[in-house]
Amino acid sequence: MKMDFEKILGKCGDCHRYQFMLMALYGFLMFVVSRHYFAQSVISFVPVHWCYHPALEHRSFEDIARIYSQFASPSCTRLASIDADGGNATASSEPCVRWIYNYDYGFRSMNAELNWVCDSAYKARVGQSLFFVGSMCGTLVFGLLGDSIGRIKAMILANLCGFVGDSATIFAQSLVTFSVSRLVSGLAAEANSYLMYILALEYVSPALRNTGLNIIMSACYCLGMISASWQAVWVGEWRVFMAWSALPPLLVTLFYFLVQESAQWLVTRHDIDGAVLRLKRVANFNRREVSEEDFEQFRIHCKGQESASSCHSMQKQSKLMDALKTPRLRNRMIHVLVVFTIITLCYNTMSRNVEGQGISPFIMFTLFALTLPPSGLFQAQAQRSVGRKFTAVSSMVATGLMAAVCGILLSFWQQPSTPVLVTLALISRFGISVCTGATMQISAELVPTCVRSGILAVAHVAGAAFSFVSPFILHLDTYFRAASSIIICLLLFVSAWICLLVPETRNKKLPMSLAEGEQFGRGERMFDFLRRQQREADDDLSVEKNEKLMPE
């Protein structure tokens, strides 16, 4: 009897106690990742500020705002003199060296403490840019390490970098120290999350993979965003907040003693005994009895796969460059890379701006976070009902149309109200969240196990690199209000078209070796996923009719 990985995992348990623990740990990590990723945005919030003058010390913020309202640049204009009632004020030609801050909810941000505003505002942006440079480097390095030394070790190393970087940020006093600390912190920005995602993906059943991963990711990411914003308000000072944010990544080192290394990855590394050992531990944790005969059949199956010349020659390499030598798999990798890059660019363009909406950024953070659980539930239900491919394509088309309509509407409505701005931002955030989740899952399932970590690392790097274009896309709105929305719409349409070229992955055995990846989806045409859905609907209807006709 053929005993492949899917069958032996089913005997060991693919939806039991170990998988539920894995989901819980994945949720904790997504909570940590969310706080780590958005911590730099929280500490860089710029409160309303004005240039200091001794005559303003005992005035209310409303009076100060009224006095400065007569100047073109109220935040950076230094006053030479002010009359008693504040009706007349003259500007000085000297630059500001001290400011008055109206702290949002009393939170003293890094920009306010270090006076990185006005002419020094670029300093915070430099540090944030280097955070994304670190993200690109860390994603590539730890992704490749994940395919060479294992998922667990690479993930722990990435989180240690996050701990060191965030801890060093606490002591930053200059642009150099802040930039270096953010560069180190950025090394963990993406790698820690998708390495754990791959581990969970390879150990759980398809049903739990779809529903569990999506719901847990969205719910815990939401909680992380909300806790980051309101804990900052609670502690009131950015260094204390960074200390709280630095500690959780250190706890991820405990995963080494709780999470089993990927058995699929060990098989691709020809460590069959290591894979069997991990599977036995999973079975024991799940309290499942699996006979030695089943494990021996699994060994025979794996050795048979290795002995096949066509599979052996490709699996022996199991490196990223060797995947480029396989025509069909190479094309699919390019499709995954392009789609992932486009979706990441659109996500960062549409959802990273929480300031300038007319309300507190802390409130905007919370509202953005609250869109994640419903988007995760919607995505999970859609993928279970209509499949990965249909969910990805339809969400991209719908979000693209929604973005274009919103942009054109705002181009004719010159001064929209705050509720309108917030509502449109939340709708966009919901749509792009569904697109991002659907893209992440179908991308991971399309790539063979032996190069999954490396290929997804390259995709994350490309997405982060092209995200540097997002500020320039938004800048086009100064010339035409709907420019960025139309560009996002076109990009999402292109991404949807490319998704039509890849095969469906629902209810299919995922490829492990390069040979299996080359054969995956062979013969499937562009719109076959629609015909399959119709057949499944007809089968369900037929079963329902037969049940009604059966005598009681």
Protein backbone atom coordinates (compact mmCIF):
# COMPACT_ATOMS: atom_id res chain seq x y z
CA MET A 1 0.00 0.00 0.00
CA LYS A 2 1.32 3.42 -0.98
CA MET A 3 1.97 5.50 2.13
CA ASP A 4 2.78 9.06 1.06
CA PHE A 5 3.18 12.01 3.41
CA GLU A 6 -0.49 13.04 3.34
CA LYS A 7 -1.59 9.54 4.38
CA ILE A 8 0.95 9.08 7.15
CA LEU A 9 0.17 12.55 8.51
CA GLY A 10 -3.51 11.64 8.49
CA LYS A 11 -2.74 8.58 10.62
CA CYS A 12 -0.61 10.65 13.01
CA GLY A 13 -3.33 13.30 13.15
CA ASP A 14 -3.65 16.38 10.97
CA CYS A 15 -6.47 18.08 12.90
CA HIS A 16 -5.86 17.19 16.53
CA ARG A 17 -4.12 18.40 19.70
CA TYR A 18 -0.76 19.13 18.08
CA GLN A 19 -2.36 21.11 15.25
CA PHE A 20 -4.43 23.12 17.73
CA MET A 21 -1.26 23.92 19.71
CA LEU A 22 0.42 24.89 16.45
CA MET A 23 -2.48 27.22 15.65
CA ALA A 24 -2.23 28.80 19.12
CA LEU A 25 1.51 29.38 18.74
CA TYR A 26 0.97 30.79 15.27
CA GLY A 27 -1.62 33.16 16.71
CA PHE A 28 0.81 34.29 19.42
CA LEU A 29 3.49 34.90 16.79
CA MET A 30 1.09 36.95 14.64
CA PHE A 31 0.30 39.02 17.74
CA VAL A 32 4.05 39.61 18.22
CA VAL A 33 4.61 40.30 14.51
CA SER A 34 1.83 42.89 14.42
CA ARG A 35 3.24 44.77 17.42
CA HIS A 36 6.77 44.56 16.06
CA TYR A 37 5.78 45.76 12.59
CA PHE A 38 3.68 48.73 13.68
CA ALA A 39 5.79 49.77 16.69
CA GLN A 40 7.87 52.10 14.54
CA SER A 41 4.73 53.78 13.24
CA VAL A 42 3.44 54.30 16.78
CA ILE A 43 6.66 55.80 18.14
CA SER A 44 6.86 58.12 15.12
CA PHE A 45 3.42 59.72 15.52
CA VAL A 46 3.86 63.48 15.24
CA PRO A 47 1.54 65.41 17.59
CA VAL A 48 0.25 68.87 16.75
CA HIS A 49 3.09 71.27 17.51
CA TRP A 50 4.06 74.94 17.35
CA CYS A 51 7.33 76.83 17.75
CA TYR A 52 7.98 77.82 21.37
CA HIS A 53 7.76 81.41 22.58
CA PRO A 54 7.84 82.52 26.27
CA ALA A 55 4.60 84.45 25.84
CA LEU A 56 2.79 81.22 24.94
CA GLU A 57 3.61 79.28 28.12
CA HIS A 58 0.35 79.91 29.94
CA ARG A 59 -1.99 79.97 26.94
CA SER A 60 -4.36 77.18 25.98
CA PHE A 61 -3.76 75.07 22.89
CA GLU A 62 -6.78 76.72 21.26
CA ASP A 63 -5.23 80.17 21.75
CA ILE A 64 -1.87 79.00 20.41
CA ALA A 65 -3.52 77.49 17.36
CA ARG A 66 -5.43 80.72 16.75
CA ILE A 67 -2.27 82.83 16.98
CA TYR A 68 -0.35 80.61 14.56
CA SER A 69 -3.25 80.25 12.11
CA GLN A 70 -2.21 83.51 10.40
CA PHE A 71 1.05 81.93 9.18
CA ALA A 72 1.50 79.62 6.22
CA SER A 73 3.60 77.13 8.19
CA PRO A 74 2.28 77.30 11.77
CA SER A 75 4.22 74.29 13.05
CA CYS A 76 7.65 75.60 12.00
CA THR A 77 7.34 79.39 12.24
CA ARG A 78 9.25 81.08 15.02
CA LEU A 79 7.62 84.17 16.48
CA ALA A 80 9.51 87.39 17.13
CA SER A 81 6.79 89.13 19.16
CA ILE A 82 3.19 88.68 20.33
CA ASP A 83 0.86 91.35 21.67
CA ALA A 84 -1.10 90.87 24.87
CA ASP A 85 -4.31 89.52 23.32
CA GLY A 86 -2.48 87.49 20.68
CA GLY A 87 -4.20 89.27 17.84
CA ASN A 88 -0.97 90.45 16.27
CA ALA A 89 2.17 88.38 16.00
CA THR A 90 5.28 88.80 13.88
CA ALA A 91 7.45 86.01 12.52
CA SER A 92 11.18 85.72 13.09
CA SER A 93 13.68 84.72 10.42
CA GLU A 94 15.49 82.42 12.86
CA PRO A 95 14.69 78.69 12.80
CA CYS A 96 12.81 76.94 15.61
CA VAL A 97 14.86 75.15 18.25
CA ARG A 98 12.08 74.34 20.72
CA TRP A 99 8.43 73.38 20.32
CA ILE A 100 5.16 73.20 22.19
CA TYR A 101 3.44 69.82 21.72
CA ASN A 102 -0.21 68.93 22.08
CA TYR A 103 0.27 65.23 22.81
CA ASP A 104 -2.37 62.93 21.38
CA TYR A 105 -3.86 61.08 24.40
CA GLY A 106 -0.78 62.20 26.36
CA PHE A 107 1.60 59.90 24.43
CA ARG A 108 5.12 61.36 24.18
CA SER A 109 6.45 60.03 20.87
CA MET A 110 10.05 59.72 19.74
CA ASN A 111 9.66 62.56 17.24
CA ALA A 112 8.43 64.85 20.01
CA GLU A 113 11.13 63.91 22.54
CA LEU A 114 14.01 64.24 20.06
CA ASN A 115 12.37 67.22 18.31
CA TRP A 116 12.48 65.42 14.97
CA VAL A 117 9.98 67.78 13.38
CA CYS A 118 10.13 70.54 10.75
CA ASP A 119 13.68 70.56 9.28
CA SER A 120 14.59 67.42 11.24
CA ALA A 121 11.49 65.42 10.31
CA TYR A 122 13.49 63.48 7.71
CA LYS A 123 15.45 61.68 10.46
CA ALA A 124 12.53 59.47 11.49
CA ARG A 125 11.84 58.64 7.84
CA VAL A 126 15.47 57.60 7.32
CA GLY A 127 15.22 55.16 10.22
CA GLN A 128 11.91 53.80 8.96
CA SER A 129 13.35 53.35 5.47
CA LEU A 130 16.25 51.36 6.88
CA PHE A 131 13.72 49.21 8.76
CA PHE A 132 12.34 48.14 5.36
CA VAL A 133 15.85 47.66 4.00
CA GLY A 134 16.44 45.31 6.92
CA SER A 135 13.13 43.63 6.16
CA MET A 136 14.22 42.90 2.60
CA CYS A 137 17.61 41.55 3.67
CA GLY A 138 16.21 39.51 6.56
CA THR A 139 13.41 38.04 4.47
CA LEU A 140 15.85 36.82 1.83
CA VAL A 141 18.54 35.59 4.24
CA PHE A 142 16.23 33.82 6.70
CA GLY A 143 14.08 32.49 3.87
CA LEU A 144 17.09 30.80 2.30
CA LEU A 145 18.21 29.62 5.73
CA GLY A 146 14.77 28.10 6.21
CA ASP A 147 15.43 25.82 3.24
CA SER A 148 18.96 24.94 4.40
CA ILE A 149 19.02 24.70 8.23
CA GLY A 150 15.29 24.32 8.85
CA ARG A 151 12.22 26.47 9.50
CA ILE A 152 12.45 26.50 13.31
CA LYS A 153 16.07 27.61 13.62
CA ALA A 154 15.69 30.31 10.97
CA MET A 155 12.53 31.65 12.64
CA ILE A 156 14.20 31.83 16.07
CA LEU A 157 17.21 33.65 14.64
CA ALA A 158 14.90 36.16 12.94
CA ASN A 159 13.04 36.89 16.18
CA LEU A 160 16.31 37.32 18.08
CA CYS A 161 17.21 40.03 15.58
CA GLY A 162 13.87 41.69 16.30
CA PHE A 163 14.57 41.57 20.05
CA VAL A 164 18.06 43.04 19.66
CA GLY A 165 16.90 45.77 17.27
CA ASP A 166 13.94 46.90 19.38
CA SER A 167 16.05 46.83 22.55
CA ALA A 168 18.74 48.97 20.91
CA THR A 169 16.10 51.45 19.72
CA ILE A 170 15.28 52.26 23.35
CA PHE A 171 18.73 53.84 23.78
CA ALA A 172 18.79 55.70 20.44
CA GLN A 173 19.70 59.37 20.78
CA SER A 174 20.92 60.22 17.28
CA LEU A 175 20.07 59.49 13.68
CA VAL A 176 22.94 57.00 13.37
CA THR A 177 22.03 54.90 16.41
CA PHE A 178 18.32 55.00 15.54
CA SER A 179 18.94 53.96 11.93
CA VAL A 180 21.24 51.07 12.86
CA SER A 181 18.81 49.76 15.48
CA ARG A 182 15.88 49.92 13.07
CA LEU A 183 17.91 48.14 10.40
CA VAL A 184 18.58 45.25 12.79
CA SER A 185 14.97 45.22 13.95
CA GLY A 186 13.73 45.10 10.36
CA LEU A 187 15.54 41.81 9.75
CA ALA A 188 12.64 40.07 11.54
CA ALA A 189 9.79 42.09 10.05
CA GLU A 190 8.58 39.49 7.52
CA ALA A 191 10.72 36.38 7.99
CA ASN A 192 9.38 35.39 11.41
CA SER A 193 5.76 35.35 10.28
CA TYR A 194 5.93 33.46 7.01
CA LEU A 195 8.36 30.83 8.31
CA MET A 196 5.84 29.89 11.00
CA TYR A 197 3.10 30.06 8.37
CA ILE A 198 4.99 27.49 6.28
CA LEU A 199 5.42 25.21 9.30
CA ALA A 200 1.72 25.33 10.10
CA LEU A 201 0.82 24.88 6.44
CA GLU A 202 2.84 21.67 6.21
CA TYR A 203 1.41 20.01 9.34
CA VAL A 204 -2.34 20.70 9.22
CA SER A 205 -5.23 19.34 7.19
CA PRO A 206 -6.51 21.29 4.16
CA ALA A 207 -9.70 22.30 6.02
CA LEU A 208 -7.81 23.58 9.05
CA ARG A 209 -5.22 25.15 6.75
CA ASN A 210 -7.90 27.26 5.13
CA THR A 211 -10.15 28.21 8.03
CA GLY A 212 -7.78 28.03 10.98
CA LEU A 213 -4.79 29.88 9.57
CA ASN A 214 -6.83 32.72 8.09
CA ILE A 215 -9.06 33.33 11.09
CA ILE A 216 -6.25 33.07 13.63
CA MET A 217 -3.95 35.30 11.59
CA SER A 218 -6.56 38.04 11.18
CA ALA A 219 -7.81 37.89 14.78
CA CYS A 220 -4.37 37.89 16.42
CA TYR A 221 -2.97 40.49 14.03
CA CYS A 222 -5.96 42.65 14.93
CA LEU A 223 -5.32 42.23 18.65
CA GLY A 224 -1.64 43.08 18.13
CA MET A 225 -2.44 46.33 16.34
CA ILE A 226 -5.00 47.40 18.93
CA SER A 227 -2.76 46.50 21.87
CA ALA A 228 0.20 48.34 20.33
CA SER A 229 -1.71 51.58 19.87
CA TRP A 230 -3.49 51.65 23.24
CA GLN A 231 -0.59 50.30 25.27
CA ALA A 232 1.38 53.28 23.94
CA VAL A 233 -1.35 55.52 25.34
CA TRP A 234 -1.28 53.61 28.63
CA VAL A 235 2.49 53.82 29.20
CA GLY A 236 2.61 57.37 27.79
CA GLU A 237 6.26 57.29 26.67
CA TRP A 238 7.85 55.75 23.60
CA ARG A 239 10.90 54.17 25.28
CA VAL A 240 8.75 52.26 27.77
CA PHE A 241 6.51 51.19 24.90
CA MET A 242 9.52 49.88 22.92
CA ALA A 243 10.64 47.91 25.97
CA TRP A 244 7.24 46.20 26.08
CA SER A 245 7.47 45.52 22.33
CA ALA A 246 11.00 44.08 22.52
CA LEU A 247 10.26 41.32 25.06
CA PRO A 248 7.67 39.12 23.21
CA PRO A 249 10.03 38.15 20.30
CA LEU A 250 12.40 36.71 22.91
CA LEU A 251 9.69 34.24 23.97
CA VAL A 252 9.65 32.74 20.46
CA THR A 253 12.88 30.90 21.32
CA LEU A 254 10.69 28.55 23.39
CA PHE A 255 9.13 27.35 20.11
CA TYR A 256 12.26 25.22 19.62
CA PHE A 257 11.03 22.92 22.41
CA LEU A 258 7.37 22.90 21.33
CA VAL A 259 7.23 22.87 17.52
CA GLN A 260 8.49 19.98 15.39
CA GLU A 261 10.69 20.70 12.42
CA SER A 262 8.94 20.28 9.08
CA ALA A 263 8.82 16.57 8.25
CA GLN A 264 8.18 17.38 4.60
CA TRP A 265 11.32 19.50 4.49
CA LEU A 266 13.34 16.71 6.13
CA VAL A 267 12.13 14.29 3.44
CA THR A 268 13.32 16.66 0.71
CA ARG A 269 16.70 16.72 2.52
CA HIS A 270 16.80 12.88 2.42
CA ASP A 271 16.56 12.70 6.22
CA ILE A 272 13.75 10.16 6.24
CA ASP A 273 14.54 8.92 9.75
CA GLY A 274 14.36 12.52 11.01
CA ALA A 275 10.98 12.94 9.34
CA VAL A 276 9.69 9.69 10.88
CA LEU A 277 10.92 10.81 14.31
CA ARG A 278 8.96 14.09 14.03
CA LEU A 279 5.87 12.29 12.84
CA LYS A 280 6.07 9.88 15.78
CA ARG A 281 6.24 12.85 18.16
CA VAL A 282 3.18 14.36 16.49
CA ALA A 283 1.34 11.04 16.82
CA ASN A 284 2.27 10.73 20.50
CA PHE A 285 1.15 14.30 21.19
CA ASN A 286 -2.13 13.58 19.41
CA ARG A 287 -2.46 10.27 21.31
CA ARG A 288 -2.74 8.36 18.05
CA GLU A 289 -1.54 4.79 17.64
CA VAL A 290 0.44 4.36 14.41
CA SER A 291 2.02 0.99 13.67
CA GLU A 292 5.67 0.55 12.75
CA GLU A 293 4.45 -1.07 9.54
CA ASP A 294 2.87 2.22 8.48
CA PHE A 295 6.09 4.10 9.15
CA GLU A 296 8.04 1.46 7.24
CA GLN A 297 5.68 1.83 4.29
CA PHE A 298 6.31 5.58 4.46
CA ARG A 299 10.09 4.96 4.42
CA ILE A 300 9.71 2.70 1.40
CA HIS A 301 7.63 5.29 -0.40
CA CYS A 302 10.21 8.04 0.25
CA LYS A 303 13.13 5.85 -0.80
CA GLY A 304 11.21 4.86 -3.91
CA GLN A 305 10.77 8.52 -4.75
CA GLU A 306 14.50 9.09 -4.28
CA SER A 307 15.46 6.10 -6.42
CA ALA A 308 13.41 7.31 -9.37
CA SER A 309 15.98 8.92 -11.62
CA SER A 310 13.84 11.82 -12.78
CA CYS A 311 12.82 12.72 -9.24
CA HIS A 312 16.22 12.03 -7.73
CA SER A 313 18.11 14.29 -10.09
CA MET A 314 15.83 17.20 -9.29
CA GLN A 315 15.18 16.52 -5.61
CA LYS A 316 18.89 16.03 -4.96
CA GLN A 317 19.47 19.69 -5.72
CA SER A 318 16.32 21.13 -4.16
CA LYS A 319 17.74 24.63 -4.47
CA LEU A 320 16.15 27.81 -5.69
CA MET A 321 18.29 28.06 -8.83
CA ASP A 322 17.47 24.49 -9.83
CA ALA A 323 13.77 25.32 -9.78
CA LEU A 324 14.47 27.78 -12.60
CA LYS A 325 15.46 24.86 -14.84
CA THR A 326 11.93 23.42 -14.77
CA PRO A 327 9.79 25.15 -17.47
CA ARG A 328 6.29 24.91 -15.96
CA LEU A 329 7.41 25.42 -12.37
CA ARG A 330 9.59 28.34 -13.45
CA ASN A 331 6.62 30.07 -15.08
CA ARG A 332 4.50 29.46 -11.98
CA MET A 333 7.24 30.93 -9.77
CA ILE A 334 7.30 34.05 -11.95
CA HIS A 335 3.51 34.32 -11.67
CA VAL A 336 3.68 33.97 -7.87
CA LEU A 337 6.45 36.56 -7.71
CA VAL A 338 4.60 39.13 -9.83
CA VAL A 339 1.26 38.68 -8.04
CA PHE A 340 2.84 38.82 -4.58
CA THR A 341 4.77 41.97 -5.52
CA ILE A 342 1.69 43.73 -6.89
CA ILE A 343 -0.49 42.86 -3.90
CA THR A 344 2.18 43.96 -1.42
CA LEU A 345 2.60 47.27 -3.24
CA CYS A 346 -1.17 47.86 -3.31
CA TYR A 347 -1.51 46.85 0.36
CA ASN A 348 1.15 49.29 1.52
CA THR A 349 -0.24 52.07 -0.69
CA MET A 350 -3.81 51.65 0.53
CA SER A 351 -3.47 50.80 4.20
CA ARG A 352 -0.34 52.23 5.83
CA ASN A 353 -1.52 55.84 6.11
CA VAL A 354 -3.29 56.35 9.44
CA GLU A 355 -2.59 60.07 9.76
CA GLY A 356 -4.28 62.90 7.94
CA GLN A 357 -7.75 61.32 8.13
CA GLY A 358 -9.12 63.98 10.48
CA ILE A 359 -9.14 61.74 13.60
CA SER A 360 -6.54 60.47 16.07
CA PRO A 361 -4.06 57.97 14.56
CA PHE A 362 -4.65 55.74 17.59
CA ILE A 363 -8.34 55.53 16.72
CA MET A 364 -7.54 54.99 13.04
CA PHE A 365 -5.19 52.15 13.98
CA THR A 366 -7.99 50.52 15.95
CA LEU A 367 -10.52 50.91 13.14
CA PHE A 368 -8.08 49.46 10.61
CA ALA A 369 -7.41 46.53 12.94
CA LEU A 370 -11.12 45.79 13.36
CA THR A 371 -11.46 45.15 9.61
CA LEU A 372 -9.07 42.18 9.82
CA PRO A 373 -11.24 39.54 11.59
CA PRO A 374 -14.23 39.96 9.23
CA SER A 375 -11.90 39.96 6.23
CA GLY A 376 -10.28 36.75 7.49
CA LEU A 377 -13.66 35.09 8.05
CA PHE A 378 -14.85 36.16 4.63
CA GLN A 379 -11.69 34.87 2.97
CA ALA A 380 -11.84 31.51 4.77
CA GLN A 381 -15.50 30.98 3.88
CA ALA A 382 -14.94 32.00 0.27
CA GLN A 383 -11.93 29.72 -0.16
CA ARG A 384 -13.82 26.80 1.35
CA SER A 385 -16.89 27.40 -0.83
CA VAL A 386 -15.45 28.48 -4.18
CA GLY A 387 -11.74 27.69 -3.93
CA ARG A 388 -8.46 29.59 -3.66
CA LYS A 389 -8.26 30.72 -7.26
CA PHE A 390 -11.79 32.13 -7.51
CA THR A 391 -11.39 33.94 -4.17
CA ALA A 392 -8.12 35.54 -5.22
CA VAL A 393 -9.32 36.62 -8.67
CA SER A 394 -12.71 37.94 -7.56
CA SER A 395 -11.31 39.85 -4.56
CA MET A 396 -8.69 41.53 -6.73
CA VAL A 397 -11.24 42.57 -9.35
CA ALA A 398 -13.73 43.80 -6.73
CA THR A 399 -11.09 45.72 -4.76
CA GLY A 400 -9.72 47.28 -7.96
CA LEU A 401 -13.16 48.48 -9.01
CA MET A 402 -13.85 49.78 -5.51
CA ALA A 403 -10.57 51.71 -5.46
CA ALA A 404 -11.28 53.30 -8.86
CA VAL A 405 -14.80 54.30 -7.89
CA CYS A 406 -13.61 55.84 -4.60
CA GLY A 407 -10.84 57.76 -6.34
CA ILE A 408 -13.12 59.15 -9.02
CA LEU A 409 -15.72 60.08 -6.40
CA LEU A 410 -13.15 61.99 -4.35
CA SER A 411 -11.83 63.76 -7.45
CA PHE A 412 -15.24 65.39 -7.91
CA TRP A 413 -15.83 65.95 -4.18
CA GLN A 414 -13.13 68.44 -3.28
CA GLN A 415 -13.67 68.61 0.50
CA PRO A 416 -15.11 65.31 1.77
CA SER A 417 -16.08 65.02 5.42
CA THR A 418 -14.09 62.99 7.94
CA PRO A 419 -16.70 60.16 8.16
CA VAL A 420 -16.55 59.77 4.37
CA LEU A 421 -12.74 59.61 4.37
CA VAL A 422 -12.69 57.07 7.20
CA THR A 423 -15.41 54.91 5.63
CA LEU A 424 -13.65 54.76 2.26
CA ALA A 425 -10.35 53.95 3.98
CA LEU A 426 -11.97 51.09 5.94
CA ILE A 427 -13.63 49.64 2.83
CA SER A 428 -10.32 49.70 1.00
CA ARG A 429 -8.55 48.12 3.95
CA PHE A 430 -11.10 45.27 4.07
CA GLY A 431 -10.75 44.53 0.37
CA ILE A 432 -6.97 44.60 0.22
CA SER A 433 -6.79 42.42 3.37
CA VAL A 434 -8.80 39.71 1.59
CA CYS A 435 -6.54 40.01 -1.46
CA THR A 436 -3.41 39.73 0.68
CA GLY A 437 -4.59 36.68 2.61
CA ALA A 438 -5.77 34.88 -0.52
CA THR A 439 -2.49 35.64 -2.30
CA MET A 440 -0.39 34.39 0.60
CA GLN A 441 -2.21 31.07 0.82
CA ILE A 442 -2.37 30.21 -2.87
CA SER A 443 1.27 31.26 -3.31
CA ALA A 444 2.45 28.99 -0.49
CA GLU A 445 0.43 26.04 -1.81
CA LEU A 446 1.69 26.39 -5.39
CA VAL A 447 5.38 26.18 -4.44
CA PRO A 448 7.04 22.78 -3.71
CA THR A 449 8.11 22.12 -0.13
CA CYS A 450 11.82 21.82 -0.94
CA VAL A 451 12.05 25.46 -2.14
CA ARG A 452 8.94 26.96 -0.53
CA SER A 453 10.78 29.05 2.03
CA GLY A 454 13.29 30.44 -0.48
CA ILE A 455 10.75 31.32 -3.16
CA LEU A 456 8.40 33.01 -0.71
CA ALA A 457 11.39 34.90 0.69
CA VAL A 458 12.19 36.26 -2.77
CA ALA A 459 8.51 37.19 -3.23
CA HIS A 460 8.46 39.08 0.09
CA VAL A 461 11.69 40.87 -0.82
CA ALA A 462 10.33 41.92 -4.21
CA GLY A 463 7.12 43.15 -2.60
CA ALA A 464 9.01 45.17 0.01
CA ALA A 465 11.34 46.62 -2.64
CA PHE A 466 8.54 47.78 -4.92
CA SER A 467 6.67 49.21 -1.93
CA PHE A 468 9.14 52.09 -2.03
CA VAL A 469 7.13 53.27 -5.04
CA SER A 470 3.95 53.68 -2.98
CA PRO A 471 4.73 57.25 -1.75
CA PHE A 472 5.26 58.37 -5.33
CA ILE A 473 2.01 56.75 -6.43
CA LEU A 474 0.19 58.68 -3.71
CA HIS A 475 2.03 61.87 -4.72
CA LEU A 476 0.37 61.68 -8.15
CA ASP A 477 -2.90 62.62 -6.42
CA THR A 478 -1.60 66.18 -6.19
CA TYR A 479 -1.93 66.38 -9.98
CA PHE A 480 -5.08 64.28 -10.39
CA ARG A 481 -7.06 63.17 -7.33
CA ALA A 482 -7.96 59.75 -8.75
CA ALA A 483 -4.50 58.95 -10.16
CA SER A 484 -3.35 56.57 -7.40
CA SER A 485 -6.75 54.83 -7.27
CA ILE A 486 -6.74 54.20 -11.02
CA ILE A 487 -3.16 52.87 -10.89
CA ILE A 488 -4.09 50.51 -8.04
CA CYS A 489 -7.14 49.38 -10.00
CA LEU A 490 -5.03 48.55 -13.06
CA LEU A 491 -2.42 46.75 -10.96
CA LEU A 492 -5.08 44.62 -9.28
CA PHE A 493 -6.63 43.78 -12.66
CA VAL A 494 -3.20 42.63 -13.92
CA SER A 495 -2.75 40.56 -10.78
CA ALA A 496 -6.19 38.96 -11.25
CA TRP A 497 -5.32 38.05 -14.86
CA ILE A 498 -2.07 36.39 -13.78
CA CYS A 499 -3.93 34.42 -11.09
CA LEU A 500 -6.08 32.93 -13.85
CA LEU A 501 -2.92 31.37 -15.29
CA VAL A 502 -2.07 29.30 -12.20
CA PRO A 503 -3.81 26.04 -11.20
CA GLU A 504 -6.34 25.62 -8.40
CA THR A 505 -4.96 24.11 -5.17
CA ARG A 506 -8.12 23.31 -3.18
CA ASN A 507 -8.46 19.63 -2.24
CA LYS A 508 -5.20 18.75 -4.00
CA LYS A 509 -2.05 17.11 -2.70
CA LEU A 510 0.54 19.84 -2.47
CA PRO A 511 3.87 19.28 -4.30
CA MET A 512 6.93 18.36 -2.23
CA SER A 513 9.74 17.89 -4.76
CA LEU A 514 10.62 19.89 -7.85
CA ALA A 515 9.38 17.01 -10.00
CA GLU A 516 5.97 17.08 -8.32
CA GLY A 517 5.90 20.84 -8.68
CA GLU A 518 6.61 20.54 -12.39
CA GLN A 519 3.67 18.14 -12.85
CA PHE A 520 1.26 19.97 -10.53
CA GLY A 521 -1.77 21.29 -12.40
CA ARG A 522 -0.71 19.82 -15.75
CA GLY A 523 -3.59 19.86 -18.22
CA GLU A 524 -5.63 22.36 -16.20
CA ARG A 525 -6.93 25.26 -18.27
CA MET A 526 -7.53 28.86 -17.27
CA PHE A 527 -11.24 28.59 -16.39
CA ASP A 528 -11.40 24.93 -15.34
CA PHE A 529 -11.91 26.04 -11.73
CA LEU A 530 -15.32 27.43 -12.73
CA ARG A 531 -16.34 24.13 -14.32
CA ARG A 532 -15.16 22.24 -11.23
CA GLN A 533 -17.33 24.42 -9.02
CA GLN A 534 -20.33 23.73 -11.25
CA ARG A 535 -19.67 19.98 -11.10
CA GLU A 536 -19.37 20.11 -7.31
CA ALA A 537 -22.63 22.06 -7.10
CA ASP A 538 -24.35 19.52 -9.34
CA ASP A 539 -22.98 16.65 -7.23
CA ASP A 540 -24.23 18.27 -4.02
CA LEU A 541 -27.65 18.77 -5.61
CA SER A 542 -27.74 15.17 -6.78
CA VAL A 543 -26.83 13.89 -3.30
CA GLU A 544 -29.54 16.06 -1.75
CA LYS A 545 -32.15 14.71 -4.18
CA ASN A 546 -31.12 11.11 -3.52
CA GLU A 547 -31.41 11.65 0.22
CA LYS A 548 -34.95 12.93 -0.22
CA LEU A 549 -35.91 9.92 -2.35
CA MET A 550 -34.51 7.36 0.10
CA PRO A 551 -37.23 5.61 2.12
CA GLU A 552 -37.17 6.23 5.85
